[in-house]
Amino acid sequence: MAHDRFHRDLLIDSDDAAIEAAALQAIWLAAHGKDPWGADVATLRIVTSRFVADPDALHRAAATSGLVLDLVTDTATNPATGHQLGVWVDWRRADLTCLIQHPRNHQ
């Protein structure tokens, strides 16, 4: 679930637009987590609660950032449903490499 500041001219007027904006933010975040790790490419898994209107656009955005997008629609077990409303995580100051699932992170 993305809670962030977006450009003031960005119009989010539908669920589809909200899902796309959140997915693009996740792609941006994953790219910034991948770079300090030193990886040329990584797989990003995004789980949405409904189908994405233009999945090809998200795949292109991910590829541009050196990411392979694993886009999943799962209404029953979407991880974002467990997010506590009102809890803010400042990803600009967090160690994004902790999001990478790799044996090197679990030693």
PDB file of N, CA and C in Angstrom:
ATOM      1  N   MET A   1       0.852  -1.159   0.000  1.00  0.00           N
ATOM      2  CA  MET A   1       0.000   0.000   0.000  1.00  0.00           C
ATOM      3  C   MET A   1       0.897   1.221   0.000  1.00  0.00           C
ATOM      4  N   ALA A   2       0.702   2.107  -0.924  1.00  0.00           N
ATOM      5  CA  ALA A   2       1.554   3.286  -1.040  1.00  0.00           C
ATOM      6  C   ALA A   2       0.849   4.503  -0.472  1.00  0.00           C
ATOM      7  N   HIS A   3       1.515   5.144   0.455  1.00  0.00           N
ATOM      8  CA  HIS A   3       1.092   6.454   0.946  1.00  0.00           C
ATOM      9  C   HIS A   3       2.274   7.357   0.672  1.00  0.00           C
ATOM     10  N   ASP A   4       2.136   8.254  -0.252  1.00  0.00           N
ATOM     11  CA  ASP A   4       3.273   9.093  -0.600  1.00  0.00           C
ATOM     12  C   ASP A   4       2.777  10.384  -1.206  1.00  0.00           C
ATOM     13  N   ARG A   5       3.703  11.305  -1.353  1.00  0.00           N
ATOM     14  CA  ARG A   5       3.392  12.549  -2.047  1.00  0.00           C
ATOM     15  C   ARG A   5       3.600  12.326  -3.532  1.00  0.00           C
ATOM     16  N   PHE A   6       2.656  12.759  -4.308  1.00  0.00           N
ATOM     17  CA  PHE A   6       2.755  12.652  -5.751  1.00  0.00           C
ATOM     18  C   PHE A   6       2.761  14.059  -6.333  1.00  0.00           C
ATOM     19  N   HIS A   7       3.128  14.158  -7.574  1.00  0.00           N
ATOM     20  CA  HIS A   7       3.160  15.456  -8.245  1.00  0.00           C
ATOM     21  C   HIS A   7       1.782  16.105  -8.168  1.00  0.00           C
ATOM     22  N   ARG A   8       1.743  17.397  -7.899  1.00  0.00           N
ATOM     23  CA  ARG A   8       0.460  18.089  -7.688  1.00  0.00           C
ATOM     24  C   ARG A   8      -0.461  18.036  -8.906  1.00  0.00           C
ATOM     25  N   ASP A   9       0.108  17.866 -10.099  1.00  0.00           N
ATOM     26  CA  ASP A   9      -0.714  17.807 -11.309  1.00  0.00           C
ATOM     27  C   ASP A   9      -1.217  16.399 -11.630  1.00  0.00           C
ATOM     28  N   LEU A  10      -0.802  15.422 -10.842  1.00  0.00           N
ATOM     29  CA  LEU A  10      -1.236  14.049 -11.077  1.00  0.00           C
ATOM     30  C   LEU A  10      -2.680  13.892 -10.614  1.00  0.00           C
ATOM     31  N   LEU A  11      -3.518  13.457 -11.508  1.00  0.00           N
ATOM     32  CA  LEU A  11      -4.927  13.268 -11.196  1.00  0.00           C
ATOM     33  C   LEU A  11      -5.190  11.777 -10.987  1.00  0.00           C
ATOM     34  N   ILE A  12      -5.587  11.421  -9.781  1.00  0.00           N
ATOM     35  CA  ILE A  12      -5.951  10.037  -9.470  1.00  0.00           C
ATOM     36  C   ILE A  12      -7.456  10.044  -9.244  1.00  0.00           C
ATOM     37  N   ASP A  13      -8.181   9.702 -10.306  1.00  0.00           N
ATOM     38  CA  ASP A  13      -9.632   9.827 -10.275  1.00  0.00           C
ATOM     39  C   ASP A  13     -10.368   8.497 -10.391  1.00  0.00           C
ATOM     40  N   SER A  14      -9.624   7.402 -10.254  1.00  0.00           N
ATOM     41  CA  SER A  14     -10.265   6.087 -10.342  1.00  0.00           C
ATOM     42  C   SER A  14      -9.400   5.067  -9.610  1.00  0.00           C
ATOM     43  N   ASP A  15      -9.990   3.913  -9.343  1.00  0.00           N
ATOM     44  CA  ASP A  15      -9.216   2.835  -8.725  1.00  0.00           C
ATOM     45  C   ASP A  15      -8.071   2.404  -9.632  1.00  0.00           C
ATOM     46  N   ASP A  16      -8.325   2.362 -10.941  1.00  0.00           N
ATOM     47  CA  ASP A  16      -7.271   1.978 -11.886  1.00  0.00           C
ATOM     48  C   ASP A  16      -6.091   2.943 -11.816  1.00  0.00           C
ATOM     49  N   ALA A  17      -6.385   4.241 -11.763  1.00  0.00           N
ATOM     50  CA  ALA A  17      -5.317   5.241 -11.682  1.00  0.00           C
ATOM     51  C   ALA A  17      -4.555   5.116 -10.365  1.00  0.00           C
ATOM     52  N   ALA A  18      -5.260   4.812  -9.277  1.00  0.00           N
ATOM     53  CA  ALA A  18      -4.611   4.649  -7.977  1.00  0.00           C
ATOM     54  C   ALA A  18      -3.700   3.426  -7.971  1.00  0.00           C
ATOM     55  N   ILE A  19      -4.167   2.327  -8.550  1.00  0.00           N
ATOM     56  CA  ILE A  19      -3.353   1.113  -8.617  1.00  0.00           C
ATOM     57  C   ILE A  19      -2.107   1.362  -9.456  1.00  0.00           C
ATOM     58  N   GLU A  20      -2.269   2.034 -10.588  1.00  0.00           N
ATOM     59  CA  GLU A  20      -1.122   2.312 -11.451  1.00  0.00           C
ATOM     60  C   GLU A  20      -0.120   3.233 -10.755  1.00  0.00           C
ATOM     61  N   ALA A  21      -0.592   4.272 -10.080  1.00  0.00           N
ATOM     62  CA  ALA A  21       0.309   5.191  -9.381  1.00  0.00           C
ATOM     63  C   ALA A  21       1.070   4.469  -8.275  1.00  0.00           C
ATOM     64  N   ALA A  22       0.375   3.612  -7.522  1.00  0.00           N
ATOM     65  CA  ALA A  22       1.037   2.860  -6.457  1.00  0.00           C
ATOM     66  C   ALA A  22       2.053   1.878  -7.029  1.00  0.00           C
ATOM     67  N   ALA A  23       1.714   1.226  -8.134  1.00  0.00           N
ATOM     68  CA  ALA A  23       2.644   0.276  -8.760  1.00  0.00           C
ATOM     69  C   ALA A  23       3.875   0.993  -9.297  1.00  0.00           C
ATOM     70  N   LEU A  24       3.691   2.153  -9.912  1.00  0.00           N
ATOM     71  CA  LEU A  24       4.839   2.916 -10.408  1.00  0.00           C
ATOM     72  C   LEU A  24       5.727   3.376  -9.257  1.00  0.00           C
ATOM     73  N   GLN A  25       5.120   3.710  -8.130  1.00  0.00           N
ATOM     74  CA  GLN A  25       5.899   4.087  -6.947  1.00  0.00           C
ATOM     75  C   GLN A  25       6.684   2.880  -6.431  1.00  0.00           C
ATOM     76  N   ALA A  26       6.077   1.695  -6.447  1.00  0.00           N
ATOM     77  CA  ALA A  26       6.776   0.481  -6.021  1.00  0.00           C
ATOM     78  C   ALA A  26       7.943   0.170  -6.953  1.00  0.00           C
ATOM     79  N   ILE A  27       7.764   0.405  -8.239  1.00  0.00           N
ATOM     80  CA  ILE A  27       8.840   0.188  -9.209  1.00  0.00           C
ATOM     81  C   ILE A  27       9.993   1.141  -8.919  1.00  0.00           C
ATOM     82  N   TRP A  28       9.682   2.395  -8.681  1.00  0.00           N
ATOM     83  CA  TRP A  28      10.713   3.388  -8.343  1.00  0.00           C
ATOM     84  C   TRP A  28      11.461   2.963  -7.082  1.00  0.00           C
ATOM     85  N   LEU A  29      10.705   2.544  -6.066  1.00  0.00           N
ATOM     86  CA  LEU A  29      11.293   2.139  -4.794  1.00  0.00           C
ATOM     87  C   LEU A  29      12.188   0.917  -4.963  1.00  0.00           C
ATOM     88  N   ALA A  30      11.720  -0.071  -5.710  1.00  0.00           N
ATOM     89  CA  ALA A  30      12.513  -1.287  -5.929  1.00  0.00           C
ATOM     90  C   ALA A  30      13.798  -0.988  -6.689  1.00  0.00           C
ATOM     91  N   ALA A  31      13.730  -0.100  -7.650  1.00  0.00           N
ATOM     92  CA  ALA A  31      14.938   0.269  -8.400  1.00  0.00           C
ATOM     93  C   ALA A  31      15.959   0.917  -7.482  1.00  0.00           C
ATOM     94  N   HIS A  32      15.497   1.740  -6.555  1.00  0.00           N
ATOM     95  CA  HIS A  32      16.415   2.379  -5.616  1.00  0.00           C
ATOM     96  C   HIS A  32      16.945   1.394  -4.576  1.00  0.00           C
ATOM     97  N   GLY A  33      16.227   0.322  -4.307  1.00  0.00           N
ATOM     98  CA  GLY A  33      16.729  -0.716  -3.409  1.00  0.00           C
ATOM     99  C   GLY A  33      17.716  -1.638  -4.099  1.00  0.00           C
ATOM    100  N   LYS A  34      17.528  -1.834  -5.377  1.00  0.00           N
ATOM    101  CA  LYS A  34      18.400  -2.713  -6.170  1.00  0.00           C
ATOM    102  C   LYS A  34      19.778  -2.095  -6.374  1.00  0.00           C
ATOM    103  N   ASP A  35      19.835  -0.821  -6.621  1.00  0.00           N
ATOM    104  CA  ASP A  35      21.094  -0.163  -6.967  1.00  0.00           C
ATOM    105  C   ASP A  35      22.165  -0.254  -5.876  1.00  0.00           C
ATOM    106  N   PRO A  36      21.866   0.049  -4.597  1.00  0.00           N
ATOM    107  CA  PRO A  36      22.906  -0.075  -3.572  1.00  0.00           C
ATOM    108  C   PRO A  36      23.372  -1.523  -3.376  1.00  0.00           C
ATOM    109  N   TRP A  37      22.518  -2.466  -3.705  1.00  0.00           N
ATOM    110  CA  TRP A  37      22.853  -3.878  -3.595  1.00  0.00           C
ATOM    111  C   TRP A  37      23.900  -4.249  -4.639  1.00  0.00           C
ATOM    112  N   GLY A  38      23.926  -3.485  -5.723  1.00  0.00           N
ATOM    113  CA  GLY A  38      24.871  -3.742  -6.799  1.00  0.00           C
ATOM    114  C   GLY A  38      24.338  -4.686  -7.861  1.00  0.00           C
ATOM    115  N   ALA A  39      23.048  -4.939  -7.840  1.00  0.00           N
ATOM    116  CA  ALA A  39      22.447  -5.851  -8.817  1.00  0.00           C
ATOM    117  C   ALA A  39      22.133  -5.105 -10.103  1.00  0.00           C
ATOM    118  N   ASP A  40      22.378  -5.751 -11.217  1.00  0.00           N
ATOM    119  CA  ASP A  40      22.013  -5.171 -12.511  1.00  0.00           C
ATOM    120  C   ASP A  40      20.528  -5.327 -12.789  1.00  0.00           C
ATOM    121  N   VAL A  41      19.965  -6.412 -12.280  1.00  0.00           N
ATOM    122  CA  VAL A  41      18.555  -6.702 -12.513  1.00  0.00           C
ATOM    123  C   VAL A  41      17.992  -7.395 -11.274  1.00  0.00           C
ATOM    124  N   ALA A  42      16.702  -7.215 -11.043  1.00  0.00           N
ATOM    125  CA  ALA A  42      16.028  -7.867  -9.922  1.00  0.00           C
ATOM    126  C   ALA A  42      14.584  -8.119 -10.328  1.00  0.00           C
ATOM    127  N   THR A  43      13.940  -9.014  -9.613  1.00  0.00           N
ATOM    128  CA  THR A  43      12.523  -9.286  -9.844  1.00  0.00           C
ATOM    129  C   THR A  43      11.710  -8.566  -8.781  1.00  0.00           C
ATOM    130  N   LEU A  44      10.700  -7.852  -9.209  1.00  0.00           N
ATOM    131  CA  LEU A  44       9.796  -7.155  -8.300  1.00  0.00           C
ATOM    132  C   LEU A  44       8.434  -7.830  -8.374  1.00  0.00           C
ATOM    133  N   ARG A  45       7.946  -8.273  -7.227  1.00  0.00           N
ATOM    134  CA  ARG A  45       6.618  -8.885  -7.157  1.00  0.00           C
ATOM    135  C   ARG A  45       5.654  -7.846  -6.602  1.00  0.00           C
ATOM    136  N   ILE A  46       4.659  -7.511  -7.397  1.00  0.00           N
ATOM    137  CA  ILE A  46       3.605  -6.595  -6.964  1.00  0.00           C
ATOM    138  C   ILE A  46       2.304  -7.384  -6.927  1.00  0.00           C
ATOM    139  N   VAL A  47       1.639  -7.340  -5.772  1.00  0.00           N
ATOM    140  CA  VAL A  47       0.355  -8.016  -5.610  1.00  0.00           C
ATOM    141  C   VAL A  47      -0.726  -6.946  -5.528  1.00  0.00           C
ATOM    142  N   THR A  48      -1.698  -7.030  -6.410  1.00  0.00           N
ATOM    143  CA  THR A  48      -2.822  -6.093  -6.394  1.00  0.00           C
ATOM    144  C   THR A  48      -4.103  -6.845  -6.070  1.00  0.00           C
ATOM    145  N   SER A  49      -5.075  -6.112  -5.586  1.00  0.00           N
ATOM    146  CA  SER A  49      -6.351  -6.742  -5.241  1.00  0.00           C
ATOM    147  C   SER A  49      -7.314  -6.777  -6.420  1.00  0.00           C
ATOM    148  N   ARG A  50      -6.927  -6.140  -7.521  1.00  0.00           N
ATOM    149  CA  ARG A  50      -7.753  -6.175  -8.731  1.00  0.00           C
ATOM    150  C   ARG A  50      -6.844  -6.089  -9.950  1.00  0.00           C
ATOM    151  N   PHE A  51      -7.396  -6.450 -11.093  1.00  0.00           N
ATOM    152  CA  PHE A  51      -6.605  -6.451 -12.319  1.00  0.00           C
ATOM    153  C   PHE A  51      -6.135  -5.041 -12.658  1.00  0.00           C
ATOM    154  N   VAL A  52      -4.943  -4.959 -13.208  1.00  0.00           N
ATOM    155  CA  VAL A  52      -4.361  -3.690 -13.634  1.00  0.00           C
ATOM    156  C   VAL A  52      -4.837  -3.402 -15.053  1.00  0.00           C
ATOM    157  N   ALA A  53      -5.257  -2.171 -15.295  1.00  0.00           N
ATOM    158  CA  ALA A  53      -5.818  -1.805 -16.600  1.00  0.00           C
ATOM    159  C   ALA A  53      -4.792  -1.924 -17.724  1.00  0.00           C
ATOM    160  N   ASP A  54      -3.543  -1.527 -17.473  1.00  0.00           N
ATOM    161  CA  ASP A  54      -2.516  -1.552 -18.519  1.00  0.00           C
ATOM    162  C   ASP A  54      -1.238  -2.204 -17.976  1.00  0.00           C
ATOM    163  N   PRO A  55      -1.241  -3.528 -17.837  1.00  0.00           N
ATOM    164  CA  PRO A  55      -0.060  -4.193 -17.280  1.00  0.00           C
ATOM    165  C   PRO A  55       1.189  -4.009 -18.135  1.00  0.00           C
ATOM    166  N   ASP A  56       1.022  -3.866 -19.447  1.00  0.00           N
ATOM    167  CA  ASP A  56       2.195  -3.680 -20.312  1.00  0.00           C
ATOM    168  C   ASP A  56       2.956  -2.409 -19.962  1.00  0.00           C
ATOM    169  N   ALA A  57       2.247  -1.350 -19.602  1.00  0.00           N
ATOM    170  CA  ALA A  57       2.908  -0.097 -19.213  1.00  0.00           C
ATOM    171  C   ALA A  57       3.748  -0.304 -17.958  1.00  0.00           C
ATOM    172  N   LEU A  58       3.241  -1.087 -17.013  1.00  0.00           N
ATOM    173  CA  LEU A  58       4.003  -1.359 -15.791  1.00  0.00           C
ATOM    174  C   LEU A  58       5.220  -2.227 -16.087  1.00  0.00           C
ATOM    175  N   HIS A  59       5.057  -3.213 -16.959  1.00  0.00           N
ATOM    176  CA  HIS A  59       6.197  -4.055 -17.337  1.00  0.00           C
ATOM    177  C   HIS A  59       7.280  -3.227 -18.025  1.00  0.00           C
ATOM    178  N   ARG A  60       6.875  -2.289 -18.865  1.00  0.00           N
ATOM    179  CA  ARG A  60       7.857  -1.415 -19.534  1.00  0.00           C
ATOM    180  C   ARG A  60       8.573  -0.522 -18.527  1.00  0.00           C
ATOM    181  N   ALA A  61       7.827   0.042 -17.594  1.00  0.00           N
ATOM    182  CA  ALA A  61       8.437   0.900 -16.573  1.00  0.00           C
ATOM    183  C   ALA A  61       9.422   0.107 -15.723  1.00  0.00           C
ATOM    184  N   ALA A  62       9.060  -1.122 -15.383  1.00  0.00           N
ATOM    185  CA  ALA A  62       9.953  -1.967 -14.592  1.00  0.00           C
ATOM    186  C   ALA A  62      11.214  -2.296 -15.379  1.00  0.00           C
ATOM    187  N   ALA A  63      11.054  -2.670 -16.632  1.00  0.00           N
ATOM    188  CA  ALA A  63      12.212  -3.027 -17.463  1.00  0.00           C
ATOM    189  C   ALA A  63      13.161  -1.848 -17.616  1.00  0.00           C
ATOM    190  N   THR A  64      12.618  -0.652 -17.740  1.00  0.00           N
ATOM    191  CA  THR A  64      13.442   0.553 -17.844  1.00  0.00           C
ATOM    192  C   THR A  64      14.285   0.752 -16.589  1.00  0.00           C
ATOM    193  N   SER A  65      13.792   0.273 -15.449  1.00  0.00           N
ATOM    194  CA  SER A  65      14.503   0.404 -14.180  1.00  0.00           C
ATOM    195  C   SER A  65      15.349  -0.819 -13.845  1.00  0.00           C
ATOM    196  N   GLY A  66      15.485  -1.752 -14.793  1.00  0.00           N
ATOM    197  CA  GLY A  66      16.275  -2.954 -14.539  1.00  0.00           C
ATOM    198  C   GLY A  66      15.551  -3.973 -13.681  1.00  0.00           C
ATOM    199  N   LEU A  67      14.238  -3.997 -13.785  1.00  0.00           N
ATOM    200  CA  LEU A  67      13.429  -4.913 -12.983  1.00  0.00           C
ATOM    201  C   LEU A  67      12.584  -5.808 -13.883  1.00  0.00           C
ATOM    202  N   VAL A  68      12.425  -7.040 -13.454  1.00  0.00           N
ATOM    203  CA  VAL A  68      11.481  -7.963 -14.076  1.00  0.00           C
ATOM    204  C   VAL A  68      10.250  -7.942 -13.180  1.00  0.00           C
ATOM    205  N   LEU A  69       9.117  -7.605 -13.736  1.00  0.00           N
ATOM    206  CA  LEU A  69       7.903  -7.447 -12.946  1.00  0.00           C
ATOM    207  C   LEU A  69       7.121  -8.747 -12.885  1.00  0.00           C
ATOM    208  N   ASP A  70       6.842  -9.195 -11.666  1.00  0.00           N
ATOM    209  CA  ASP A  70       5.965 -10.332 -11.406  1.00  0.00           C
ATOM    210  C   ASP A  70       4.672  -9.738 -10.858  1.00  0.00           C
ATOM    211  N   LEU A  71       3.702  -9.520 -11.728  1.00  0.00           N
ATOM    212  CA  LEU A  71       2.455  -8.850 -11.369  1.00  0.00           C
ATOM    213  C   LEU A  71       1.393  -9.897 -11.073  1.00  0.00           C
ATOM    214  N   VAL A  72       0.873  -9.869  -9.844  1.00  0.00           N
ATOM    215  CA  VAL A  72      -0.076 -10.878  -9.377  1.00  0.00           C
ATOM    216  C   VAL A  72      -1.348 -10.181  -8.898  1.00  0.00           C
ATOM    217  N   THR A  73      -2.486 -10.732  -9.268  1.00  0.00           N
ATOM    218  CA  THR A  73      -3.763 -10.259  -8.736  1.00  0.00           C
ATOM    219  C   THR A  73      -4.266 -11.301  -7.752  1.00  0.00           C
ATOM    220  N   ASP A  74      -4.455 -10.877  -6.501  1.00  0.00           N
ATOM    221  CA  ASP A  74      -4.893 -11.798  -5.456  1.00  0.00           C
ATOM    222  C   ASP A  74      -5.796 -11.029  -4.498  1.00  0.00           C
ATOM    223  N   THR A  75      -7.084 -11.227  -4.629  1.00  0.00           N
ATOM    224  CA  THR A  75      -8.023 -10.496  -3.778  1.00  0.00           C
ATOM    225  C   THR A  75      -8.091 -11.058  -2.368  1.00  0.00           C
ATOM    226  N   ALA A  76      -7.719 -12.311  -2.197  1.00  0.00           N
ATOM    227  CA  ALA A  76      -7.866 -12.954  -0.890  1.00  0.00           C
ATOM    228  C   ALA A  76      -6.688 -12.694   0.043  1.00  0.00           C
ATOM    229  N   THR A  77      -5.478 -12.709  -0.481  1.00  0.00           N
ATOM    230  CA  THR A  77      -4.307 -12.629   0.398  1.00  0.00           C
ATOM    231  C   THR A  77      -3.352 -11.514  -0.011  1.00  0.00           C
ATOM    232  N   ASN A  78      -3.875 -10.377  -0.385  1.00  0.00           N
ATOM    233  CA  ASN A  78      -3.042  -9.241  -0.756  1.00  0.00           C
ATOM    234  C   ASN A  78      -2.275  -8.758   0.479  1.00  0.00           C
ATOM    235  N   PRO A  79      -0.937  -8.711   0.420  1.00  0.00           N
ATOM    236  CA  PRO A  79      -0.149  -8.293   1.588  1.00  0.00           C
ATOM    237  C   PRO A  79      -0.473  -6.880   2.068  1.00  0.00           C
ATOM    238  N   ALA A  80      -0.940  -6.022   1.197  1.00  0.00           N
ATOM    239  CA  ALA A  80      -1.226  -4.639   1.592  1.00  0.00           C
ATOM    240  C   ALA A  80      -2.392  -4.544   2.567  1.00  0.00           C
ATOM    241  N   THR A  81      -3.243  -5.552   2.609  1.00  0.00           N
ATOM    242  CA  THR A  81      -4.386  -5.483   3.518  1.00  0.00           C
ATOM    243  C   THR A  81      -3.951  -5.526   4.972  1.00  0.00           C
ATOM    244  N   GLY A  82      -2.740  -6.009   5.238  1.00  0.00           N
ATOM    245  CA  GLY A  82      -2.236  -6.046   6.606  1.00  0.00           C
ATOM    246  C   GLY A  82      -1.560  -4.761   7.041  1.00  0.00           C
ATOM    247  N   HIS A  83      -1.437  -3.798   6.135  1.00  0.00           N
ATOM    248  CA  HIS A  83      -0.789  -2.526   6.471  1.00  0.00           C
ATOM    249  C   HIS A  83      -1.671  -1.724   7.411  1.00  0.00           C
ATOM    250  N   GLN A  84      -1.067  -1.178   8.448  1.00  0.00           N
ATOM    251  CA  GLN A  84      -1.821  -0.381   9.404  1.00  0.00           C
ATOM    252  C   GLN A  84      -1.991   1.036   8.872  1.00  0.00           C
ATOM    253  N   LEU A  85      -3.224   1.465   8.764  1.00  0.00           N
ATOM    254  CA  LEU A  85      -3.487   2.831   8.310  1.00  0.00           C
ATOM    255  C   LEU A  85      -2.913   3.820   9.314  1.00  0.00           C
ATOM    256  N   GLY A  86      -2.366   4.878   8.805  1.00  0.00           N
ATOM    257  CA  GLY A  86      -1.805   5.909   9.671  1.00  0.00           C
ATOM    258  C   GLY A  86      -0.362   5.672  10.062  1.00  0.00           C
ATOM    259  N   VAL A  87       0.201   4.514   9.716  1.00  0.00           N
ATOM    260  CA  VAL A  87       1.604   4.225  10.016  1.00  0.00           C
ATOM    261  C   VAL A  87       2.432   4.658   8.820  1.00  0.00           C
ATOM    262  N   TRP A  88       3.358   5.557   9.024  1.00  0.00           N
ATOM    263  CA  TRP A  88       4.154   6.135   7.950  1.00  0.00           C
ATOM    264  C   TRP A  88       5.566   5.577   8.004  1.00  0.00           C
ATOM    265  N   VAL A  89       6.058   5.087   6.896  1.00  0.00           N
ATOM    266  CA  VAL A  89       7.443   4.644   6.765  1.00  0.00           C
ATOM    267  C   VAL A  89       8.104   5.553   5.735  1.00  0.00           C
ATOM    268  N   ASP A  90       9.155   6.235   6.140  1.00  0.00           N
ATOM    269  CA  ASP A  90       9.853   7.132   5.222  1.00  0.00           C
ATOM    270  C   ASP A  90      10.903   6.330   4.469  1.00  0.00           C
ATOM    271  N   TRP A  91      10.553   5.857   3.288  1.00  0.00           N
ATOM    272  CA  TRP A  91      11.451   5.009   2.507  1.00  0.00           C
ATOM    273  C   TRP A  91      12.657   5.771   1.980  1.00  0.00           C
ATOM    274  N   ARG A  92      12.604   7.096   2.012  1.00  0.00           N
ATOM    275  CA  ARG A  92      13.752   7.878   1.538  1.00  0.00           C
ATOM    276  C   ARG A  92      14.920   7.792   2.511  1.00  0.00           C
ATOM    277  N   ARG A  93      14.629   7.446   3.752  1.00  0.00           N
ATOM    278  CA  ARG A  93      15.674   7.360   4.769  1.00  0.00           C
ATOM    279  C   ARG A  93      15.918   5.925   5.245  1.00  0.00           C
ATOM    280  N   ALA A  94      15.165   4.988   4.729  1.00  0.00           N
ATOM    281  CA  ALA A  94      15.272   3.589   5.159  1.00  0.00           C
ATOM    282  C   ALA A  94      16.305   2.845   4.319  1.00  0.00           C
ATOM    283  N   ASP A  95      16.811   1.754   4.876  1.00  0.00           N
ATOM    284  CA  ASP A  95      17.725   0.873   4.143  1.00  0.00           C
ATOM    285  C   ASP A  95      16.884  -0.018   3.237  1.00  0.00           C
ATOM    286  N   LEU A  96      16.837   0.326   1.964  1.00  0.00           N
ATOM    287  CA  LEU A  96      15.986  -0.404   1.026  1.00  0.00           C
ATOM    288  C   LEU A  96      16.517  -1.792   0.704  1.00  0.00           C
ATOM    289  N   THR A  97      17.785  -2.059   0.994  1.00  0.00           N
ATOM    290  CA  THR A  97      18.316  -3.393   0.705  1.00  0.00           C
ATOM    291  C   THR A  97      17.670  -4.452   1.593  1.00  0.00           C
ATOM    292  N   CYS A  98      17.030  -4.052   2.688  1.00  0.00           N
ATOM    293  CA  CYS A  98      16.351  -5.036   3.541  1.00  0.00           C
ATOM    294  C   CYS A  98      15.137  -5.636   2.840  1.00  0.00           C
ATOM    295  N   LEU A  99      14.688  -5.015   1.754  1.00  0.00           N
ATOM    296  CA  LEU A  99      13.550  -5.539   1.000  1.00  0.00           C
ATOM    297  C   LEU A  99      13.941  -6.656   0.049  1.00  0.00           C
ATOM    298  N   ILE A 100      15.240  -6.841  -0.146  1.00  0.00           N
ATOM    299  CA  ILE A 100      15.726  -7.838  -1.097  1.00  0.00           C
ATOM    300  C   ILE A 100      15.766  -9.199  -0.424  1.00  0.00           C
ATOM    301  N   GLN A 101      15.131 -10.173  -1.056  1.00  0.00           N
ATOM    302  CA  GLN A 101      15.146 -11.537  -0.537  1.00  0.00           C
ATOM    303  C   GLN A 101      16.301 -12.278  -1.187  1.00  0.00           C
ATOM    304  N   HIS A 102      17.354 -12.451  -0.419  1.00  0.00           N
ATOM    305  CA  HIS A 102      18.564 -13.106  -0.912  1.00  0.00           C
ATOM    306  C   HIS A 102      19.229 -13.765   0.290  1.00  0.00           C
ATOM    307  N   PRO A 103      19.853 -14.937   0.115  1.00  0.00           N
ATOM    308  CA  PRO A 103      20.505 -15.601   1.245  1.00  0.00           C
ATOM    309  C   PRO A 103      21.508 -14.703   1.970  1.00  0.00           C
ATOM    310  N   ARG A 104      22.130 -13.781   1.254  1.00  0.00           N
ATOM    311  CA  ARG A 104      23.106 -12.882   1.870  1.00  0.00           C
ATOM    312  C   ARG A 104      22.456 -11.988   2.926  1.00  0.00           C
ATOM    313  N   ASN A 105      21.172 -11.715   2.803  1.00  0.00           N
ATOM    314  CA  ASN A 105      20.466 -10.886   3.783  1.00  0.00           C
ATOM    315  C   ASN A 105      20.016 -11.680   5.006  1.00  0.00           C
ATOM    316  N   HIS A 106      20.114 -12.985   4.970  1.00  0.00           N
ATOM    317  CA  HIS A 106      19.593 -13.820   6.061  1.00  0.00           C
ATOM    318  C   HIS A 106      20.692 -14.576   6.793  1.00  0.00           C
ATOM    319  N   GLN A 107      21.905 -14.071   6.754  1.00  0.00           N
ATOM    320  CA  GLN A 107      23.014 -14.749   7.442  1.00  0.00           C
ATOM    321  C   GLN A 107      23.146 -14.249   8.850  1.00  0.00           C
TER     322      GLN A 107
END
